[in-house]
Amino acid sequence: MEKPSDLSPEQLAKPLRTGDLPGLMAALAPTIAECVAAQLKPLRARILELEKGGGVRYEGVWQAAREYQRGMMATFDGGIFHCNADVTRDKPGTSSAWTLAIKSGR
């Protein structure tokens, strides 16, 4: 099948035949693949950024002597807190190093 740029307006106006479909799909496939790849590029970058931290990890009850890292979650005062800081020993709820994720039902 000729490329669309090689076809005259009359040829382009003709209805497609079933036999033309494989050639048409082969001609369109590289353009579609480029478009999909371009759309996926920022999503892949975002997934890598999200996975870089190792995900969310529940670490049990918060302990003052322990060091916590970004992505860790700990129970404190009946709630579950998410660590936002690269590294912290702060008590959950006392600094921006922690965010309350699940509030106690009390």
Protein backbone atom coordinates (compact mmCIF):
# COMPACT_ATOMS: atom_id res chain seq x y z
CA MET A 1 0.00 0.00 0.00
CA GLU A 2 1.29 3.47 -0.82
CA LYS A 3 1.92 6.03 1.90
CA PRO A 4 -0.88 8.59 2.31
CA SER A 5 1.48 11.34 1.12
CA ASP A 6 1.92 9.40 -2.16
CA LEU A 7 -1.81 9.20 -2.84
CA SER A 8 -3.88 11.61 -4.89
CA PRO A 9 -7.03 13.21 -3.45
CA GLU A 10 -9.08 10.86 -5.64
CA GLN A 11 -7.29 7.81 -4.25
CA LEU A 12 -7.74 9.05 -0.70
CA ALA A 13 -11.47 9.51 -1.28
CA LYS A 14 -11.95 5.87 -2.33
CA PRO A 15 -13.40 3.54 0.28
CA LEU A 16 -10.98 1.11 1.89
CA ARG A 17 -11.08 -2.52 0.94
CA THR A 18 -10.60 -5.26 3.52
CA GLY A 19 -7.38 -6.21 1.75
CA ASP A 20 -6.03 -2.67 2.38
CA LEU A 21 -6.28 -2.93 6.18
CA PRO A 22 -3.02 -4.84 6.88
CA GLY A 23 -1.04 -2.30 4.86
CA LEU A 24 -2.84 0.61 6.51
CA MET A 25 -2.15 -0.80 9.98
CA ALA A 26 1.52 -1.36 9.11
CA ALA A 27 1.77 2.24 7.89
CA LEU A 28 0.06 3.65 11.02
CA ALA A 29 1.80 1.46 13.60
CA PRO A 30 5.05 3.48 13.90
CA THR A 31 3.12 6.75 14.35
CA ILE A 32 0.86 5.21 16.97
CA ALA A 33 3.86 3.70 18.79
CA GLU A 34 5.61 7.11 18.89
CA CYS A 35 2.48 8.77 20.27
CA VAL A 36 2.00 6.13 22.96
CA ALA A 37 5.69 6.27 23.94
CA ALA A 38 5.52 10.06 24.24
CA GLN A 39 2.45 9.83 26.48
CA LEU A 40 3.99 7.10 28.66
CA LYS A 41 7.33 8.85 29.21
CA PRO A 42 6.15 11.22 31.99
CA LEU A 43 4.14 8.42 33.61
CA ARG A 44 7.17 6.14 33.73
CA ALA A 45 9.23 8.96 35.25
CA ARG A 46 6.56 9.50 37.91
CA ILE A 47 6.40 5.78 38.73
CA LEU A 48 10.19 5.67 39.15
CA GLU A 49 10.01 8.70 41.46
CA LEU A 50 7.27 7.07 43.56
CA GLU A 51 9.10 3.75 43.77
CA LYS A 52 12.45 5.36 44.61
CA GLY A 53 11.46 5.74 48.25
CA GLY A 54 10.72 2.03 48.59
CA GLY A 55 7.00 2.51 49.15
CA VAL A 56 5.06 2.64 52.38
CA ARG A 57 6.29 0.44 55.22
CA TYR A 58 4.47 -0.04 58.52
CA GLU A 59 7.01 -0.03 61.36
CA GLY A 60 4.75 -0.73 64.34
CA VAL A 61 4.43 1.49 67.40
CA TRP A 62 6.60 4.65 67.30
CA GLN A 63 9.77 4.39 69.45
CA ALA A 64 11.67 7.46 70.63
CA ALA A 65 15.07 5.79 70.25
CA ARG A 66 14.43 4.82 66.64
CA GLU A 67 15.25 6.76 63.46
CA TYR A 68 12.45 6.93 60.85
CA GLN A 69 12.73 7.56 57.11
CA ARG A 70 10.41 8.85 54.40
CA GLY A 71 7.63 6.40 53.60
CA MET A 72 7.65 4.66 56.97
CA MET A 73 4.42 4.54 58.97
CA ALA A 74 4.14 4.18 62.71
CA THR A 75 1.36 4.01 65.26
CA PHE A 76 1.33 6.77 67.87
CA ASP A 77 -1.39 7.87 70.29
CA GLY A 78 -3.94 5.62 68.58
CA GLY A 79 -3.35 6.97 65.06
CA ILE A 80 -1.09 5.92 62.21
CA PHE A 81 1.38 8.51 60.97
CA HIS A 82 3.34 8.71 57.70
CA CYS A 83 6.95 9.93 57.82
CA ASN A 84 7.54 12.79 55.34
CA ALA A 85 11.13 13.56 56.30
CA ASP A 86 14.23 11.98 54.81
CA VAL A 87 15.23 11.07 58.39
CA THR A 88 13.64 12.00 61.74
CA ARG A 89 13.47 11.09 65.40
CA ASP A 90 10.63 13.61 66.03
CA LYS A 91 7.53 12.42 67.82
CA PRO A 92 4.60 12.04 65.39
CA GLY A 93 2.24 15.01 65.52
CA THR A 94 4.87 17.43 66.82
CA SER A 95 6.52 18.48 63.55
CA SER A 96 6.08 18.50 59.78
CA ALA A 97 8.14 15.29 59.66
CA TRP A 98 4.92 13.33 60.17
CA THR A 99 1.40 13.39 58.72
CA LEU A 100 -1.57 11.74 60.41
CA ALA A 101 -2.77 9.11 57.91
CA ILE A 102 -5.36 7.22 59.98
CA LYS A 103 -7.07 8.87 62.93
CA SER A 104 -8.04 6.98 66.05
CA GLY A 105 -11.75 6.29 66.43
CA ARG A 106 -11.80 7.52 70.01
